[in-house]
Amino acid sequence: MADLPRLNGVIGALENGGHSFTSFASMDIQTALAMAGSKFDGIVFEGEHAPWDILALRDSMQFMLSRAQIAKSGSLAPPVVPLCRIPVNGVEQGQWHAKQALDTGVYGIVWPHISTVEEAYNAVAACRYPRLSDKPLYEPQGIRGDGPGRAARYWGLSQQEYYSVADVWPLAPHGEILVIIQIEDQAGIKNLPDMLKNVPGIGAVLIGEGDMGQELGFPRDYEHPALLECMAQVVATCKEHDVVVGHPHANAGNMQRLVDEGYRFLMTGAGRTYAGLEKGLDLTGRS
């Protein structure tokens, strides 16, 4: 089968050492329409702290599609890539949420509250199809169920073409699915080196500074020295293992510092203005 062009623009922005810009978004049609016309590389539909509604996710993703854009670009790659944060904490190992979101056509999953190697392994395995143990890239052993009809249609591929690229990046260099784990507590910080050493297929590590601050006793105090020290540990570990690290609360005020510190998966707020996004694009030479 001929090689397919890169479809996941978030991966495309990251795979050569660049920066990607995304934002959380609610699962509703009006938000999807607005975000589809933005300059973001992708959006993360929020299913952890907002109601999990797979039908709303489906409808939102459909309204992101533009036949005119596809025709003019001559490419199946969406200009703004839909990803999704699922509601379960890592300890709950809710593979079915990831399976339903992937089967709907998202290009990546954000897994909240990953604290152990076992939870990280499950996150990656849930986003991969099974294969025999003598096949290349066997680990982490895939456990995703086979039902890709809607996803293949959304991506604009045949089912066989979808299978050929429905694997996790960067474990599979051609893979179009991005697995993002959130480190949100001291256990996660402690175990992160072992996660990144023993679980291939983690595409990015997103710091959960809100929950991390809660555990430390400084909720929503994002500039507290104790919290910043914990975040610096995560950044250092990711750099050591050459894994992308992300920040969930980038804005125009802190963007320069975050870029300088090495964050590359940058989530900014969206609404009436896009000051954080514009600042990030300018700082990284993409404006």
Protein backbone atom coordinates (compact mmCIF):
# COMPACT_ATOMS: atom_id res chain seq x y z
CA MET A 1 0.00 0.00 0.00
CA ALA A 2 1.36 3.42 -0.96
CA ASP A 3 2.45 5.66 1.86
CA LEU A 4 -0.27 8.05 2.92
CA PRO A 5 0.47 11.72 3.61
CA ARG A 6 0.49 12.87 7.25
CA LEU A 7 -3.10 13.40 8.41
CA ASN A 8 -2.59 14.37 12.05
CA GLY A 9 -1.36 17.96 11.99
CA VAL A 10 -0.59 17.95 15.71
CA ILE A 11 1.88 15.13 15.14
CA GLY A 12 3.08 16.94 12.02
CA ALA A 13 3.91 20.00 14.10
CA LEU A 14 5.73 17.94 16.74
CA GLU A 15 7.60 15.28 14.82
CA ASN A 16 10.38 17.56 13.56
CA GLY A 17 10.99 19.27 16.88
CA GLY A 18 8.34 21.93 16.48
CA HIS A 19 5.53 23.17 18.71
CA SER A 20 1.84 22.36 18.50
CA PHE A 21 -0.98 24.59 19.69
CA THR A 22 -4.28 23.21 20.90
CA SER A 23 -7.14 24.13 23.20
CA PHE A 24 -9.81 22.35 25.18
CA ALA A 25 -13.26 22.64 23.62
CA SER A 26 -16.73 21.62 24.65
CA MET A 27 -18.61 18.98 22.70
CA ASP A 28 -21.09 21.20 20.92
CA ILE A 29 -21.67 22.22 17.34
CA GLN A 30 -21.17 25.98 17.70
CA THR A 31 -17.83 25.54 19.43
CA ALA A 32 -16.74 23.02 16.82
CA LEU A 33 -17.65 25.42 14.00
CA ALA A 34 -15.71 28.26 15.60
CA MET A 35 -12.64 26.17 16.36
CA ALA A 36 -12.57 24.57 12.89
CA GLY A 37 -11.81 28.00 11.44
CA SER A 38 -9.09 28.85 13.95
CA LYS A 39 -5.30 28.70 13.66
CA PHE A 40 -4.98 25.87 16.19
CA ASP A 41 -3.26 22.67 15.09
CA GLY A 42 -5.91 20.74 16.97
CA ILE A 43 -8.55 20.88 19.66
CA VAL A 44 -9.16 18.54 22.56
CA PHE A 45 -12.83 17.87 23.12
CA GLU A 46 -13.31 17.86 26.87
CA GLY A 47 -14.88 14.75 28.37
CA GLU A 48 -13.33 14.68 31.83
CA HIS A 49 -14.79 17.76 33.53
CA ALA A 50 -17.70 18.10 31.12
CA PRO A 51 -20.39 15.48 30.40
CA TRP A 52 -19.20 12.52 28.34
CA ASP A 53 -21.50 12.43 25.32
CA ILE A 54 -20.29 10.30 22.42
CA LEU A 55 -23.12 11.50 20.17
CA ALA A 56 -22.26 15.14 20.87
CA LEU A 57 -18.64 14.31 20.08
CA ARG A 58 -19.70 12.71 16.80
CA ASP A 59 -21.85 15.69 15.80
CA SER A 60 -19.19 18.22 16.78
CA MET A 61 -16.59 16.43 14.68
CA GLN A 62 -18.91 16.29 11.68
CA PHE A 63 -19.45 20.05 11.86
CA MET A 64 -15.69 20.57 11.79
CA LEU A 65 -15.61 19.16 8.26
CA SER A 66 -15.73 21.55 5.32
CA ARG A 67 -16.17 20.15 1.83
CA ALA A 68 -14.94 23.43 0.36
CA GLN A 69 -11.77 23.30 2.43
CA ILE A 70 -11.09 19.70 1.46
CA ALA A 71 -11.63 20.45 -2.22
CA LYS A 72 -9.44 23.57 -2.20
CA SER A 73 -6.60 21.97 -0.24
CA GLY A 74 -6.64 18.72 -2.15
CA SER A 75 -5.86 16.95 1.13
CA LEU A 76 -7.75 14.76 3.56
CA ALA A 77 -5.77 16.20 6.47
CA PRO A 78 -8.05 18.30 8.69
CA PRO A 79 -6.75 21.85 9.22
CA VAL A 80 -7.71 21.55 12.91
CA VAL A 81 -7.30 18.04 14.27
CA PRO A 82 -9.91 16.69 16.70
CA LEU A 83 -8.61 14.91 19.80
CA CYS A 84 -10.46 14.02 22.98
CA ARG A 85 -9.85 13.89 26.73
CA ILE A 86 -11.71 10.96 28.21
CA PRO A 87 -13.34 11.07 31.66
CA VAL A 88 -11.65 8.18 33.45
CA ASN A 89 -8.65 8.50 35.73
CA GLY A 90 -5.76 6.20 34.94
CA VAL A 91 -6.51 3.86 37.82
CA GLU A 92 -9.96 3.16 36.34
CA GLN A 93 -8.41 1.94 33.06
CA GLY A 94 -11.54 2.78 31.06
CA GLN A 95 -10.54 1.41 27.68
CA TRP A 96 -14.08 1.68 26.36
CA HIS A 97 -14.04 5.48 26.42
CA ALA A 98 -10.92 5.53 24.26
CA LYS A 99 -12.36 2.86 21.96
CA GLN A 100 -15.58 4.79 21.36
CA ALA A 101 -13.76 8.07 20.77
CA LEU A 102 -11.27 6.48 18.38
CA ASP A 103 -14.04 4.67 16.52
CA THR A 104 -15.76 8.05 16.10
CA GLY A 105 -12.63 9.32 14.37
CA VAL A 106 -10.53 11.33 16.83
CA TYR A 107 -6.81 11.39 16.14
CA GLY A 108 -5.68 11.14 19.73
CA ILE A 109 -6.64 10.57 23.35
CA VAL A 110 -5.71 12.53 26.46
CA TRP A 111 -5.62 10.24 29.50
CA PRO A 112 -6.02 12.08 32.83
CA HIS A 113 -4.39 11.07 36.12
CA ILE A 114 -1.78 8.58 34.97
CA SER A 115 0.35 7.67 37.97
CA THR A 116 1.89 4.22 37.34
CA VAL A 117 3.63 2.23 34.64
CA GLU A 118 0.60 -0.08 34.47
CA GLU A 119 -1.76 2.83 33.87
CA ALA A 120 0.52 4.27 31.18
CA TYR A 121 0.75 0.86 29.51
CA ASN A 122 -3.03 0.56 29.47
CA ALA A 123 -3.37 4.02 27.92
CA VAL A 124 -1.17 3.11 24.97
CA ALA A 125 -2.52 -0.44 24.62
CA ALA A 126 -6.11 0.82 24.47
CA CYS A 127 -5.23 2.92 21.41
CA ARG A 128 -3.66 0.02 19.47
CA TYR A 129 -5.11 -2.94 17.63
CA PRO A 130 -3.96 -6.43 18.70
CA ARG A 131 -1.23 -8.27 16.81
CA LEU A 132 0.67 -11.52 17.27
CA SER A 133 3.68 -11.49 19.55
CA ASP A 134 6.08 -12.29 16.71
CA LYS A 135 5.09 -9.16 14.76
CA PRO A 136 7.05 -5.89 14.84
CA LEU A 137 6.14 -3.29 17.47
CA TYR A 138 4.19 -5.81 19.52
CA GLU A 139 4.51 -3.95 22.81
CA PRO A 140 2.46 -2.41 24.28
CA GLN A 141 0.09 -5.22 23.34
CA GLY A 142 -2.96 -3.74 21.63
CA ILE A 143 -6.40 -4.24 23.14
CA ARG A 144 -8.52 -1.93 20.98
CA GLY A 145 -11.60 -3.69 19.60
CA ASP A 146 -12.11 -3.87 15.85
CA GLY A 147 -14.85 -1.52 14.66
CA PRO A 148 -13.24 1.21 12.52
CA GLY A 149 -16.03 1.89 10.02
CA ARG A 150 -16.94 5.38 11.22
CA ALA A 151 -13.33 6.38 11.88
CA ALA A 152 -12.17 5.30 8.43
CA ARG A 153 -15.03 7.21 6.82
CA TYR A 154 -14.25 10.32 8.87
CA TRP A 155 -10.57 10.14 7.91
CA GLY A 156 -11.53 9.61 4.25
CA LEU A 157 -9.76 6.26 4.00
CA SER A 158 -10.65 2.69 3.19
CA GLN A 159 -10.67 0.38 6.17
CA GLN A 160 -7.40 -1.21 5.09
CA GLU A 161 -5.80 2.21 4.68
CA TYR A 162 -7.06 3.15 8.12
CA TYR A 163 -5.57 0.03 9.66
CA SER A 164 -2.20 0.90 8.09
CA VAL A 165 -1.97 4.24 9.93
CA ALA A 166 -4.15 3.66 13.03
CA ASP A 167 -1.21 3.15 15.33
CA VAL A 168 0.44 5.32 17.94
CA TRP A 169 3.17 7.83 17.19
CA PRO A 170 6.13 7.88 17.65
CA LEU A 171 6.32 4.13 18.29
CA ALA A 172 5.02 3.71 14.76
CA PRO A 173 6.59 6.61 12.83
CA HIS A 174 3.71 6.55 10.32
CA GLY A 175 1.09 6.34 13.07
CA GLU A 176 -1.62 8.99 13.18
CA ILE A 177 -2.87 8.44 16.75
CA LEU A 178 -1.43 10.57 19.52
CA VAL A 179 -1.46 9.21 23.09
CA ILE A 180 -1.13 11.95 25.68
CA ILE A 181 -0.84 11.04 29.34
CA GLN A 182 -1.42 13.56 32.12
CA ILE A 183 0.90 13.61 35.13
CA GLU A 184 -1.08 15.17 37.97
CA ASP A 185 0.33 13.95 41.29
CA GLN A 186 3.49 13.02 43.17
CA ALA A 187 3.13 9.34 42.33
CA GLY A 188 3.04 10.22 38.65
CA ILE A 189 6.14 12.39 38.95
CA LYS A 190 7.98 9.62 40.80
CA ASN A 191 6.99 6.93 38.31
CA LEU A 192 7.34 8.99 35.12
CA PRO A 193 10.95 7.89 34.40
CA ASP A 194 9.86 4.24 34.48
CA MET A 195 6.80 5.02 32.33
CA LEU A 196 8.90 6.66 29.63
CA LYS A 197 11.55 3.95 29.82
CA ASN A 198 9.20 0.96 29.76
CA VAL A 199 6.11 2.10 27.80
CA PRO A 200 6.87 2.99 24.19
CA GLY A 201 4.15 4.86 22.33
CA ILE A 202 3.58 7.79 24.68
CA GLY A 203 3.38 10.73 22.31
CA ALA A 204 3.30 13.53 24.87
CA VAL A 205 3.13 14.14 28.60
CA LEU A 206 0.70 16.86 29.64
CA ILE A 207 1.17 18.31 33.10
CA GLY A 208 -2.02 18.51 35.16
CA GLU A 209 -1.03 21.48 37.25
CA GLY A 210 -4.50 22.03 38.67
CA ASP A 211 -4.71 18.67 40.40
CA MET A 212 -1.02 18.77 41.22
CA GLY A 213 -1.57 22.05 43.04
CA GLN A 214 -4.54 20.58 44.90
CA GLU A 215 -2.39 17.73 46.19
CA LEU A 216 0.34 20.14 47.28
CA GLY A 217 -2.18 22.28 49.13
CA PHE A 218 -1.94 25.30 46.82
CA PRO A 219 -4.99 24.98 44.54
CA ARG A 220 -4.99 27.22 41.47
CA ASP A 221 -1.81 28.96 42.60
CA TYR A 222 -0.04 28.27 39.33
CA GLU A 223 3.06 30.31 40.20
CA HIS A 224 3.70 28.74 43.60
CA PRO A 225 7.37 27.68 43.89
CA ALA A 226 6.49 24.16 45.07
CA LEU A 227 4.26 23.59 42.05
CA LEU A 228 6.79 25.06 39.65
CA GLU A 229 9.45 22.73 41.07
CA CYS A 230 7.21 19.70 40.48
CA MET A 231 6.54 20.82 36.93
CA ALA A 232 10.25 21.34 36.33
CA GLN A 233 10.86 17.73 37.37
CA VAL A 234 8.35 16.54 34.75
CA VAL A 235 9.95 18.71 32.07
CA ALA A 236 13.43 17.43 32.94
CA THR A 237 12.29 13.80 32.81
CA CYS A 238 10.62 14.28 29.44
CA LYS A 239 13.72 15.96 28.03
CA GLU A 240 15.89 13.10 29.30
CA HIS A 241 13.72 10.59 27.46
CA ASP A 242 13.11 12.77 24.39
CA VAL A 243 9.33 12.87 24.89
CA VAL A 244 7.19 15.92 24.18
CA VAL A 245 5.99 17.74 27.29
CA GLY A 246 2.85 19.85 27.36
CA HIS A 247 1.34 22.68 29.40
CA PRO A 248 -2.45 23.08 29.77
CA HIS A 249 -2.60 26.78 30.67
CA ALA A 250 -0.42 28.65 28.20
CA ASN A 251 -1.29 32.28 27.59
CA ALA A 252 0.22 35.46 26.19
CA GLY A 253 1.78 36.26 29.55
CA ASN A 254 3.63 32.99 30.15
CA MET A 255 4.18 31.77 26.58
CA GLN A 256 7.76 33.01 26.29
CA ARG A 257 8.75 31.26 29.53
CA LEU A 258 7.05 28.01 28.55
CA VAL A 259 8.72 27.91 25.15
CA ASP A 260 12.08 28.68 26.74
CA GLU A 261 11.59 25.90 29.32
CA GLY A 262 10.95 23.33 26.62
CA TYR A 263 7.19 22.86 26.48
CA ARG A 264 6.09 21.92 22.97
CA PHE A 265 2.45 20.77 23.33
CA LEU A 266 0.93 24.10 24.30
CA MET A 267 -2.73 24.48 25.20
CA THR A 268 -4.11 28.01 25.19
CA GLY A 269 -7.51 29.41 26.00
CA ALA A 270 -10.02 30.15 23.26
CA GLY A 271 -12.93 32.53 23.20
CA ARG A 272 -13.39 35.99 21.79
CA THR A 273 -9.64 36.49 21.43
CA TYR A 274 -6.71 34.19 20.71
CA ALA A 275 -3.88 36.24 22.27
CA GLY A 276 -2.07 33.20 23.66
CA LEU A 277 -2.23 31.34 20.36
CA GLU A 278 -1.03 34.36 18.40
CA LYS A 279 1.86 34.91 20.82
CA GLY A 280 2.88 31.26 20.57
CA LEU A 281 2.76 31.23 16.77
CA ASP A 282 4.87 34.38 16.68
CA LEU A 283 7.48 33.08 19.14
CA THR A 284 7.87 29.81 17.22
CA GLY A 285 8.08 31.45 13.80
CA ARG A 286 4.70 30.28 12.58
CA SER A 287 2.75 33.55 12.47
